[in-house]
Amino acid sequence: MGRAQDLLAKAMTNIASLSGNSDYNDKASSVIEKLNAQKDKFFFQSLAGLPLANLLFKASEKMISDQNDPNMDEIEKIVQQIEDKADAPGTVLT
């Protein structure tokens, strides 16, 4: 598994741990579902996904230590960037 996929997996584990918090359970589940759809794409098998995977991992660590809306919003914003970039032309094998 590549470095980007490792970081993504760690971030997903952190986010999944939020399921015990009723305030963030739904958002965390939604984020995990979106990331599951992205994790095996070429974007994360190459170095292209490493910066966003690292950003998401750091945001998930921040959310674990300080669970609040701005931190969750940051995670959701990064996931949106991942979805946009992972499916962009030039980031998939053809």
N, C-alpha and C. Protein backbone atom coordinates (compact mmCIF):
# COMPACT_ATOMS: atom_id res chain seq x y z
N MET A 1 0.85 -1.18 0.00
CA MET A 1 0.00 0.00 0.00
C MET A 1 0.90 1.24 0.00
N GLY A 2 0.51 2.24 -0.77
CA GLY A 2 1.28 3.46 -0.86
C GLY A 2 1.13 4.34 0.36
N ARG A 3 2.02 5.29 0.46
CA ARG A 3 2.02 6.23 1.59
C ARG A 3 0.70 7.00 1.67
N ALA A 4 0.18 7.44 0.52
CA ALA A 4 -1.08 8.18 0.51
C ALA A 4 -2.21 7.30 1.03
N GLN A 5 -2.23 6.05 0.61
CA GLN A 5 -3.28 5.14 1.08
C GLN A 5 -3.14 4.86 2.58
N ASP A 6 -1.92 4.78 3.07
CA ASP A 6 -1.70 4.59 4.51
C ASP A 6 -2.25 5.77 5.31
N LEU A 7 -1.91 6.98 4.86
CA LEU A 7 -2.41 8.17 5.56
C LEU A 7 -3.92 8.26 5.48
N LEU A 8 -4.47 7.92 4.33
CA LEU A 8 -5.93 7.94 4.17
C LEU A 8 -6.58 6.94 5.12
N ALA A 9 -6.00 5.76 5.23
CA ALA A 9 -6.55 4.74 6.13
C ALA A 9 -6.50 5.21 7.59
N LYS A 10 -5.40 5.86 7.97
CA LYS A 10 -5.29 6.37 9.35
C LYS A 10 -6.31 7.47 9.60
N ALA A 11 -6.49 8.34 8.62
CA ALA A 11 -7.48 9.41 8.75
C ALA A 11 -8.88 8.82 8.87
N MET A 12 -9.15 7.79 8.07
CA MET A 12 -10.48 7.16 8.12
C MET A 12 -10.72 6.51 9.48
N THR A 13 -9.69 5.92 10.06
CA THR A 13 -9.81 5.32 11.39
C THR A 13 -10.13 6.40 12.42
N ASN A 14 -9.42 7.52 12.32
CA ASN A 14 -9.69 8.64 13.24
C ASN A 14 -11.12 9.14 13.09
N ILE A 15 -11.55 9.31 11.86
CA ILE A 15 -12.90 9.83 11.61
C ILE A 15 -13.95 8.83 12.07
N ALA A 16 -13.69 7.55 11.85
CA ALA A 16 -14.63 6.52 12.29
C ALA A 16 -14.79 6.52 13.80
N SER A 17 -13.75 6.92 14.51
CA SER A 17 -13.83 6.95 15.98
C SER A 17 -14.80 8.03 16.47
N LEU A 18 -15.20 8.92 15.59
CA LEU A 18 -16.16 9.97 15.98
C LEU A 18 -17.59 9.44 16.07
N SER A 19 -17.79 8.20 15.67
CA SER A 19 -19.14 7.65 15.67
C SER A 19 -19.73 7.59 17.07
N GLY A 20 -18.89 7.64 18.09
CA GLY A 20 -19.38 7.65 19.46
C GLY A 20 -19.91 9.01 19.89
N ASN A 21 -19.65 10.03 19.09
CA ASN A 21 -20.11 11.38 19.40
C ASN A 21 -21.37 11.65 18.59
N SER A 22 -22.50 11.75 19.25
CA SER A 22 -23.78 11.89 18.55
C SER A 22 -23.85 13.17 17.70
N ASP A 23 -23.07 14.18 18.05
CA ASP A 23 -23.06 15.42 17.27
C ASP A 23 -22.41 15.24 15.90
N TYR A 24 -21.49 14.30 15.79
CA TYR A 24 -20.72 14.15 14.55
C TYR A 24 -20.87 12.79 13.89
N ASN A 25 -21.70 11.93 14.45
CA ASN A 25 -21.86 10.58 13.92
C ASN A 25 -22.30 10.59 12.45
N ASP A 26 -23.31 11.36 12.12
CA ASP A 26 -23.82 11.37 10.75
C ASP A 26 -22.79 11.93 9.77
N LYS A 27 -22.14 13.02 10.16
CA LYS A 27 -21.14 13.62 9.28
C LYS A 27 -19.95 12.67 9.10
N ALA A 28 -19.52 12.05 10.18
CA ALA A 28 -18.40 11.11 10.11
C ALA A 28 -18.74 9.93 9.20
N SER A 29 -19.94 9.41 9.32
CA SER A 29 -20.37 8.29 8.47
C SER A 29 -20.39 8.69 7.00
N SER A 30 -20.86 9.89 6.73
CA SER A 30 -20.90 10.39 5.36
C SER A 30 -19.50 10.53 4.78
N VAL A 31 -18.59 11.07 5.59
CA VAL A 31 -17.21 11.25 5.15
C VAL A 31 -16.56 9.90 4.88
N ILE A 32 -16.76 8.94 5.75
CA ILE A 32 -16.19 7.61 5.58
C ILE A 32 -16.72 6.97 4.29
N GLU A 33 -17.99 7.11 4.04
CA GLU A 33 -18.59 6.56 2.83
C GLU A 33 -17.95 7.18 1.57
N LYS A 34 -17.76 8.49 1.59
CA LYS A 34 -17.14 9.17 0.45
C LYS A 34 -15.69 8.72 0.27
N LEU A 35 -14.97 8.58 1.36
CA LEU A 35 -13.57 8.17 1.28
C LEU A 35 -13.42 6.72 0.84
N ASN A 36 -14.35 5.87 1.23
CA ASN A 36 -14.32 4.48 0.78
C ASN A 36 -14.42 4.39 -0.73
N ALA A 37 -15.17 5.31 -1.33
CA ALA A 37 -15.31 5.34 -2.78
C ALA A 37 -14.03 5.83 -3.47
N GLN A 38 -13.18 6.53 -2.74
CA GLN A 38 -11.98 7.12 -3.32
C GLN A 38 -10.69 6.35 -3.04
N LYS A 39 -10.66 5.60 -1.98
CA LYS A 39 -9.39 5.07 -1.44
C LYS A 39 -8.60 4.18 -2.39
N ASP A 40 -9.25 3.49 -3.30
CA ASP A 40 -8.52 2.58 -4.19
C ASP A 40 -8.23 3.18 -5.55
N LYS A 41 -8.55 4.43 -5.72
CA LYS A 41 -8.30 5.08 -7.00
C LYS A 41 -6.81 5.35 -7.19
N PHE A 42 -6.42 5.47 -8.44
CA PHE A 42 -5.03 5.72 -8.78
C PHE A 42 -4.49 6.96 -8.06
N PHE A 43 -5.35 7.94 -7.83
CA PHE A 43 -4.96 9.18 -7.15
C PHE A 43 -4.24 8.88 -5.85
N PHE A 44 -4.68 7.88 -5.11
CA PHE A 44 -4.06 7.53 -3.83
C PHE A 44 -3.02 6.42 -3.96
N GLN A 45 -2.91 5.82 -5.11
CA GLN A 45 -1.87 4.83 -5.34
C GLN A 45 -0.60 5.51 -5.84
N SER A 46 -0.72 6.76 -6.22
CA SER A 46 0.42 7.52 -6.71
C SER A 46 0.75 8.62 -5.70
N LEU A 47 1.77 9.39 -6.02
CA LEU A 47 2.12 10.51 -5.15
C LEU A 47 1.15 11.67 -5.27
N ALA A 48 0.31 11.66 -6.28
CA ALA A 48 -0.63 12.77 -6.50
C ALA A 48 -1.54 12.98 -5.29
N GLY A 49 -1.95 11.91 -4.65
CA GLY A 49 -2.88 12.01 -3.53
C GLY A 49 -2.22 12.26 -2.18
N LEU A 50 -0.91 12.21 -2.13
CA LEU A 50 -0.21 12.33 -0.85
C LEU A 50 -0.47 13.65 -0.12
N PRO A 51 -0.40 14.81 -0.78
CA PRO A 51 -0.64 16.06 -0.05
C PRO A 51 -2.04 16.14 0.59
N LEU A 52 -3.06 15.73 -0.15
CA LEU A 52 -4.41 15.79 0.41
C LEU A 52 -4.62 14.72 1.48
N ALA A 53 -4.03 13.56 1.30
CA ALA A 53 -4.13 12.51 2.32
C ALA A 53 -3.48 12.98 3.61
N ASN A 54 -2.33 13.63 3.49
CA ASN A 54 -1.64 14.16 4.66
C ASN A 54 -2.46 15.26 5.33
N LEU A 55 -3.03 16.14 4.52
CA LEU A 55 -3.88 17.21 5.05
C LEU A 55 -5.08 16.64 5.79
N LEU A 56 -5.71 15.62 5.20
CA LEU A 56 -6.86 14.99 5.84
C LEU A 56 -6.46 14.31 7.14
N PHE A 57 -5.31 13.63 7.14
CA PHE A 57 -4.84 12.96 8.36
C PHE A 57 -4.64 13.98 9.48
N LYS A 58 -3.98 15.09 9.17
CA LYS A 58 -3.74 16.12 10.18
C LYS A 58 -5.05 16.72 10.67
N ALA A 59 -6.00 16.94 9.77
CA ALA A 59 -7.30 17.48 10.17
C ALA A 59 -8.05 16.48 11.05
N SER A 60 -7.91 15.20 10.75
CA SER A 60 -8.60 14.18 11.56
C SER A 60 -7.98 14.10 12.96
N GLU A 61 -6.67 14.25 13.04
CA GLU A 61 -5.99 14.27 14.34
C GLU A 61 -6.47 15.47 15.16
N LYS A 62 -6.59 16.60 14.49
CA LYS A 62 -7.06 17.82 15.14
C LYS A 62 -8.49 17.64 15.65
N MET A 63 -9.32 16.98 14.85
CA MET A 63 -10.71 16.75 15.22
C MET A 63 -10.81 15.80 16.41
N ILE A 64 -9.95 14.80 16.46
CA ILE A 64 -9.96 13.86 17.58
C ILE A 64 -9.63 14.57 18.88
N SER A 65 -8.66 15.48 18.83
CA SER A 65 -8.25 16.16 20.06
C SER A 65 -9.17 17.31 20.44
N ASP A 66 -9.88 17.87 19.46
CA ASP A 66 -10.78 19.00 19.73
C ASP A 66 -12.00 18.90 18.83
N GLN A 67 -13.01 18.17 19.30
CA GLN A 67 -14.19 17.92 18.49
C GLN A 67 -15.10 19.15 18.48
N ASN A 68 -15.09 19.84 17.33
CA ASN A 68 -15.95 21.01 17.17
C ASN A 68 -16.34 21.18 15.71
N ASP A 69 -17.31 22.06 15.46
CA ASP A 69 -17.83 22.23 14.10
C ASP A 69 -16.77 22.74 13.11
N PRO A 70 -15.96 23.72 13.46
CA PRO A 70 -14.95 24.17 12.48
C PRO A 70 -13.98 23.06 12.06
N ASN A 71 -13.60 22.21 12.99
CA ASN A 71 -12.70 21.10 12.65
C ASN A 71 -13.40 20.08 11.75
N MET A 72 -14.67 19.81 12.01
CA MET A 72 -15.42 18.89 11.15
C MET A 72 -15.62 19.50 9.77
N ASP A 73 -15.88 20.79 9.73
CA ASP A 73 -16.04 21.48 8.44
C ASP A 73 -14.76 21.40 7.62
N GLU A 74 -13.62 21.48 8.29
CA GLU A 74 -12.33 21.38 7.60
C GLU A 74 -12.17 20.00 6.96
N ILE A 75 -12.55 18.97 7.69
CA ILE A 75 -12.49 17.60 7.16
C ILE A 75 -13.38 17.48 5.93
N GLU A 76 -14.60 17.97 6.02
CA GLU A 76 -15.53 17.88 4.90
C GLU A 76 -15.01 18.65 3.68
N LYS A 77 -14.38 19.77 3.91
CA LYS A 77 -13.81 20.57 2.82
C LYS A 77 -12.69 19.80 2.12
N ILE A 78 -11.83 19.15 2.89
CA ILE A 78 -10.74 18.36 2.31
C ILE A 78 -11.29 17.17 1.53
N VAL A 79 -12.32 16.53 2.05
CA VAL A 79 -12.93 15.40 1.35
C VAL A 79 -13.50 15.86 0.01
N GLN A 80 -14.09 17.04 -0.02
CA GLN A 80 -14.62 17.59 -1.28
C GLN A 80 -13.47 17.81 -2.27
N GLN A 81 -12.35 18.31 -1.79
CA GLN A 81 -11.19 18.51 -2.66
C GLN A 81 -10.69 17.16 -3.19
N ILE A 82 -10.70 16.16 -2.34
CA ILE A 82 -10.27 14.82 -2.76
C ILE A 82 -11.19 14.31 -3.86
N GLU A 83 -12.49 14.45 -3.67
CA GLU A 83 -13.43 13.98 -4.69
C GLU A 83 -13.21 14.72 -6.01
N ASP A 84 -13.00 16.02 -5.93
CA ASP A 84 -12.79 16.82 -7.13
C ASP A 84 -11.52 16.41 -7.87
N LYS A 85 -10.45 16.22 -7.13
CA LYS A 85 -9.15 15.92 -7.76
C LYS A 85 -9.00 14.46 -8.17
N ALA A 86 -9.53 13.55 -7.39
CA ALA A 86 -9.37 12.13 -7.71
C ALA A 86 -10.08 11.75 -8.99
N ASP A 87 -11.13 12.48 -9.33
CA ASP A 87 -11.89 12.17 -10.54
C ASP A 87 -11.57 13.12 -11.69
N ALA A 88 -10.61 14.00 -11.49
CA ALA A 88 -10.24 14.97 -12.53
C ALA A 88 -9.50 14.27 -13.66
N PRO A 89 -9.66 14.77 -14.88
CA PRO A 89 -8.91 14.18 -16.00
C PRO A 89 -7.41 14.24 -15.72
N GLY A 90 -6.72 13.19 -16.08
CA GLY A 90 -5.28 13.15 -15.87
C GLY A 90 -4.87 12.51 -14.57
N THR A 91 -5.82 12.17 -13.70
CA THR A 91 -5.47 11.54 -12.44
C THR A 91 -5.91 10.09 -12.38
N VAL A 92 -6.36 9.56 -13.51
CA VAL A 92 -6.76 8.15 -13.57
C VAL A 92 -6.00 7.47 -14.70
N LEU A 93 -5.81 6.19 -14.57
CA LEU A 93 -5.18 5.42 -15.64
C LEU A 93 -6.21 5.13 -16.72
N THR A 94 -5.81 5.33 -17.95
CA THR A 94 -6.73 5.01 -19.07
C THR A 94 -6.11 4.01 -19.99
